[in-house]
Amino acid sequence: MPAQPDAATARSVRAALEALGEAVFAAEDELSVLTPLLGDRDCQAALEDYLDQVLDTLRGVGEEARLAVAALPPRPLAGLDATRTPGSARNRGRP
């Protein structure tokens, strides 16, 4: 069984992947409205094909980032000590 990352590493990776997802979404949004007119039909078609490939790549990167975030351990609730478990000595006698 693979070792689980420590909480700080998991938080850092999660934050980086979420930031990547947001950046990819913003780039995809900006590129999707970009339609420069070149005047030459062949150049125009080549540029549009290229932009479609870039958008597909961005969508793929965004989806992989989303899947990677989903595969990380769940984010602990704010204010809870991850070392305290229901049976731990620190937590005995408390609900």
Foldseek 3Di string as FASTA:
>chain_A
DDDADDLVVLVVLLVVLVVLLVVLVVVLVVLVPDQDDDPDPVVSVVVVVVSVVVSVVSVVSNVVSVVVSVPHPDRDDPPDDPVDDCPDPVNPPHD
